[in-house]
Protein backbone atom coordinates (compact mmCIF):
# COMPACT_ATOMS: atom_id res chain seq x y z
CA MET A 1 138.75 136.32 117.77
CA ASN A 2 137.78 135.60 120.97
CA GLY A 3 134.95 132.71 121.44
CA ILE A 4 131.29 132.40 123.30
CA PHE A 5 129.95 131.26 126.08
CA TYR A 6 126.88 130.11 125.53
CA GLY A 7 124.18 128.94 128.25
CA VAL A 8 122.53 125.77 126.97
CA SER A 9 119.45 124.88 128.81
CA VAL A 10 118.89 121.17 128.15
CA GLY A 11 115.58 119.96 130.15
CA PRO A 12 114.44 118.57 132.83
CA GLY A 13 115.68 114.84 131.69
CA ASP A 14 114.23 113.22 128.76
CA PRO A 15 117.15 113.55 126.05
CA GLU A 16 113.87 113.75 123.99
CA LEU A 17 113.15 117.37 125.11
CA LEU A 18 116.66 119.33 123.90
CA THR A 19 115.33 121.73 121.51
CA LEU A 20 117.27 121.55 117.96
CA LYS A 21 119.09 124.45 118.55
CA ALA A 22 120.21 122.75 121.88
CA VAL A 23 122.26 119.88 120.05
CA ARG A 24 123.47 122.46 117.21
CA ILE A 25 125.14 124.75 119.65
CA ILE A 26 126.41 121.37 121.81
CA ARG A 27 127.76 119.75 118.18
CA THR A 28 129.52 123.14 117.06
CA CYS A 29 131.04 123.92 120.86
CA ASP A 30 134.54 123.64 121.53
CA VAL A 31 134.52 122.83 124.99
CA ILE A 32 131.86 121.96 127.62
CA ALA A 33 131.53 123.12 130.52
CA VAL A 34 129.21 121.51 133.27
CA PRO A 35 128.25 122.30 137.35
CA ARG A 36 129.66 120.44 139.17
CA SER A 37 128.07 120.06 143.23
CA SER A 38 130.79 119.87 145.55
CA GLU A 39 129.08 117.70 147.93
CA ASN A 40 128.42 114.03 145.03
CA GLY A 41 130.02 115.40 141.87
CA GLU A 42 126.85 114.49 139.88
CA GLN A 43 126.24 115.81 136.49
CA VAL A 44 123.28 115.58 135.19
CA ALA A 45 123.01 118.12 132.74
CA LEU A 46 125.82 116.21 131.17
CA GLU A 47 123.82 112.59 131.13
CA ILE A 48 121.15 114.33 129.73
CA ALA A 49 122.90 115.78 126.32
CA ARG A 50 125.31 112.81 125.89
CA ALA A 51 122.20 110.66 125.67
CA ALA A 52 120.98 113.62 122.92
CA VAL A 53 124.29 114.32 121.02
CA PRO A 54 126.47 111.08 121.36
CA GLU A 55 130.12 113.35 119.41
CA LEU A 56 129.66 114.71 123.20
CA SER A 57 131.71 112.55 123.49
CA GLN A 58 134.10 113.66 121.78
CA LYS A 59 135.02 117.00 123.27
CA GLU A 60 136.66 118.77 125.89
CA ILE A 61 134.57 118.42 129.01
CA VAL A 62 135.48 121.22 131.56
CA PRO A 63 133.00 120.39 135.41
CA LEU A 64 133.21 123.77 137.51
CA ASP A 65 132.45 123.74 140.62
CA MET A 66 129.51 124.79 141.90
CA PRO A 67 128.56 123.71 145.97
CA MET A 68 125.14 123.75 147.00
CA THR A 69 124.90 126.08 149.56
CA HIS A 70 124.00 129.24 151.32
CA ASP A 71 127.66 130.63 152.25
CA ALA A 72 128.21 133.98 150.14
CA ALA A 73 131.03 133.91 150.03
CA VAL A 74 132.22 129.93 149.53
CA LEU A 75 129.70 130.79 146.23
CA GLU A 76 131.01 133.83 145.18
CA LYS A 77 134.67 132.15 145.28
CA ALA A 78 132.90 129.63 143.57
CA ARG A 79 131.59 131.34 140.67
CA ALA A 80 134.82 133.69 140.40
CA GLN A 81 137.14 130.65 139.96
CA ALA A 82 134.41 128.98 137.26
CA VAL A 83 134.80 132.42 135.28
CA GLU A 84 138.01 132.66 134.95
CA THR A 85 138.10 129.49 133.46
CA ILE A 86 135.31 130.02 130.80
CA ILE A 87 138.05 133.08 130.29
CA ASN A 88 140.74 131.73 129.21
CA TYR A 89 138.93 129.35 127.11
CA LEU A 90 137.63 132.16 124.87
CA LYS A 91 140.16 133.81 124.67
CA GLN A 92 141.93 130.99 122.43
CA GLY A 93 139.02 131.05 120.70
CA SER A 94 137.34 128.63 121.89
CA SER A 95 133.13 128.70 122.46
CA VAL A 96 131.54 126.91 125.38
CA ALA A 97 128.65 125.67 126.49
CA PHE A 98 127.90 125.20 130.01
CA LEU A 99 125.25 123.08 130.32
CA THR A 100 122.29 123.12 132.80
CA ILE A 101 119.11 120.90 133.53
CA GLY A 102 115.35 122.81 133.00
CA ASP A 103 115.58 126.71 130.81
CA VAL A 104 118.67 128.92 131.40
CA SER A 105 116.72 131.42 132.86
CA ILE A 106 114.94 130.10 135.52
CA TYR A 107 117.23 129.33 139.13
CA SER A 108 119.75 128.13 136.61
CA THR A 109 123.57 128.80 138.25
CA TYR A 110 124.63 129.93 134.71
CA GLY A 111 122.60 133.08 136.10
CA TYR A 112 125.70 133.88 138.00
CA LEU A 113 128.54 133.89 135.18
CA HIS A 114 126.75 135.64 132.31
CA GLY A 115 126.85 138.89 133.15
CA ARG A 116 130.59 138.39 134.53
CA VAL A 117 131.75 137.46 131.57
CA ILE A 118 129.66 139.60 129.64
CA GLY A 119 131.01 142.69 131.90
CA ARG A 120 134.99 141.63 130.82
CA GLY A 121 133.66 142.30 127.94
CA TYR A 122 133.39 138.74 126.01
CA THR A 123 130.22 137.28 124.16
CA ALA A 124 127.43 134.93 126.15
CA LYS A 125 124.06 133.96 124.97
CA MET A 126 121.32 131.86 126.46
CA VAL A 127 120.18 129.34 124.39
CA ALA A 128 115.95 128.72 126.38
CA GLY A 129 114.74 124.83 127.01
CA VAL A 130 112.56 123.12 128.24
CA PRO A 131 111.39 124.40 132.70
CA SER A 132 111.55 121.10 134.52
CA PHE A 133 107.64 122.13 135.55
CA CYS A 134 106.74 122.81 132.44
CA ALA A 135 107.56 118.90 131.72
CA ALA A 136 106.15 117.67 135.37
CA ALA A 137 102.47 119.36 134.49
CA ALA A 138 102.74 117.10 131.00
CA ARG A 139 103.81 114.13 132.81
CA LEU A 140 100.79 114.65 135.32
CA GLY A 141 98.64 115.41 132.57
CA GLU A 142 97.53 118.15 134.13
CA SER A 143 96.99 122.56 132.45
CA LEU A 144 98.88 125.09 134.84
CA THR A 145 96.86 127.67 134.59
CA GLU A 146 93.38 128.49 133.72
CA PRO A 147 92.01 131.73 132.46
CA LYS A 148 92.84 135.15 134.96
CA LEU A 149 94.81 132.42 137.28
CA PRO A 150 98.51 132.99 137.61
CA VAL A 151 101.81 130.71 138.47
CA HIS A 152 103.55 131.40 140.56
CA LEU A 153 107.18 129.88 141.97
CA ILE A 154 108.38 129.67 144.40
CA PRO A 155 112.18 128.42 146.28
CA ALA A 156 110.89 126.85 148.97
CA ALA A 157 114.21 126.13 150.58
CA TYR A 158 114.39 129.55 151.77
CA GLY A 159 110.93 129.26 152.98
CA GLY A 160 107.88 130.70 152.82
CA VAL A 161 105.70 127.89 151.89
CA ALA A 162 103.04 128.60 153.99
CA GLU A 163 102.99 132.31 153.08
CA SER A 164 102.99 131.13 148.98
CA LEU A 165 99.44 129.10 150.14
CA ASP A 166 97.64 132.45 150.24
CA LEU A 167 98.49 133.59 146.69
CA PRO A 168 96.12 132.71 144.13
CA GLY A 169 95.85 130.22 141.42
CA THR A 170 98.46 127.94 140.77
CA LYS A 171 101.79 126.88 143.20
CA VAL A 172 105.16 125.99 141.82
CA LEU A 173 107.75 124.71 144.73
CA MET A 174 111.06 124.67 143.08
CA LYS A 175 114.50 124.21 144.89
CA SER A 176 113.82 122.23 147.64
CA GLY A 177 116.33 120.48 147.57
CA LYS A 178 117.24 118.92 151.43
CA THR A 179 114.53 121.04 152.95
CA LEU A 180 111.55 118.82 150.86
CA LYS A 181 110.64 117.12 154.00
CA GLN A 182 110.53 120.64 155.69
CA THR A 183 108.41 121.90 152.58
CA ILE A 184 105.72 118.65 152.99
CA ASP A 185 105.61 119.27 156.87
CA ALA A 186 104.32 122.78 155.75
CA LEU A 187 101.52 122.13 153.63
CA ARG A 188 100.81 118.98 156.20
CA ALA A 189 100.49 121.38 158.51
CA CYS A 190 97.91 124.12 156.92
CA GLY A 191 96.06 120.78 155.68
CA ARG A 192 97.40 121.17 151.80
CA THR A 193 97.54 117.12 150.98
CA ASP A 194 95.98 118.06 147.69
CA VAL A 195 99.18 118.09 145.54
CA ARG A 196 102.25 116.62 143.20
CA ILE A 197 104.92 115.79 143.20
CA VAL A 198 107.32 114.68 140.73
CA GLN A 199 110.90 113.35 141.06
CA ARG A 200 113.23 113.43 139.13
CA CYS A 201 110.89 113.98 136.12
CA GLY A 202 112.00 112.24 132.77
CA LEU A 203 115.05 110.55 134.27
CA PRO A 204 115.83 107.56 135.67
CA GLY A 205 114.19 106.84 138.85
CA GLU A 206 111.55 109.16 137.59
CA ARG A 207 108.21 108.58 140.39
CA VAL A 208 105.00 110.70 140.99
CA PHE A 209 103.00 111.46 144.00
CA TYR A 210 99.56 112.88 142.96
CA ASN A 211 98.65 113.27 146.82
CA LEU A 212 100.39 113.87 150.03
CA ASP A 213 98.94 110.35 151.19
CA GLU A 214 101.27 108.79 148.95
CA TRP A 215 104.29 110.20 149.39
CA ASP A 216 106.71 108.05 151.31
CA ASN A 217 109.30 110.42 152.61
CA PRO A 218 111.85 109.72 149.14
CA GLY A 219 114.89 112.36 149.76
CA GLU A 220 115.46 113.88 146.09
CA TYR A 221 116.57 117.08 145.24
CA LEU A 222 115.51 117.25 141.76
CA SER A 223 111.60 117.57 143.09
CA ILE A 224 108.62 119.71 141.95
CA VAL A 225 105.64 120.04 144.03
CA ILE A 226 103.06 121.81 142.54
CA VAL A 227 99.58 123.08 144.57
CA LYS A 228 96.25 124.43 142.35
CA ASP A 229 93.59 126.04 143.35
CA GLY A 230 90.16 125.07 142.52
């Protein structure tokens, strides 16, 4: 019998935010797959899960290279290789838990693998978790929404920050990555300094800024920028 491929959300950083289901799946899977950036090799999802599931260290850990680039050819090659690695374990009857920070359905690398594994005739399941922007709002002690006002998720690294500010309600700027300073510059240019920034939410080195006057240009990939109206 083939194994099952799970996309397991580990939350934004605080190990206590892993769901009971995520912990159960991690404990029962034979293999733990973790995304690895070719830039720095950081495996944040693994460290979060390890703090919640100590016995994880006794399992087989399989790093999958997921380069942080917009180069379509490089991304395609990395994803194809990751799928082949995962399927090799599934063929042997081993279930694989792919750990991802935040929630597996929101800007997650897992999404590029899920459909491909299913397309090859194997079973893949998603395990929901706490999204980073929800944890950031809780850290700020502020609600993201009010009656009749929407919430917009904006992938800031792909531009369009200035245009997004015309949208009604709350704008959550995610995936800034290396372009965080450009995102902040775009907000300043539009006269929006009344924003909140949470970096490394729930992780060591967490920083919180309640407006842009407090922001001192710390470069950090794991940053959530929240712009609220009203």
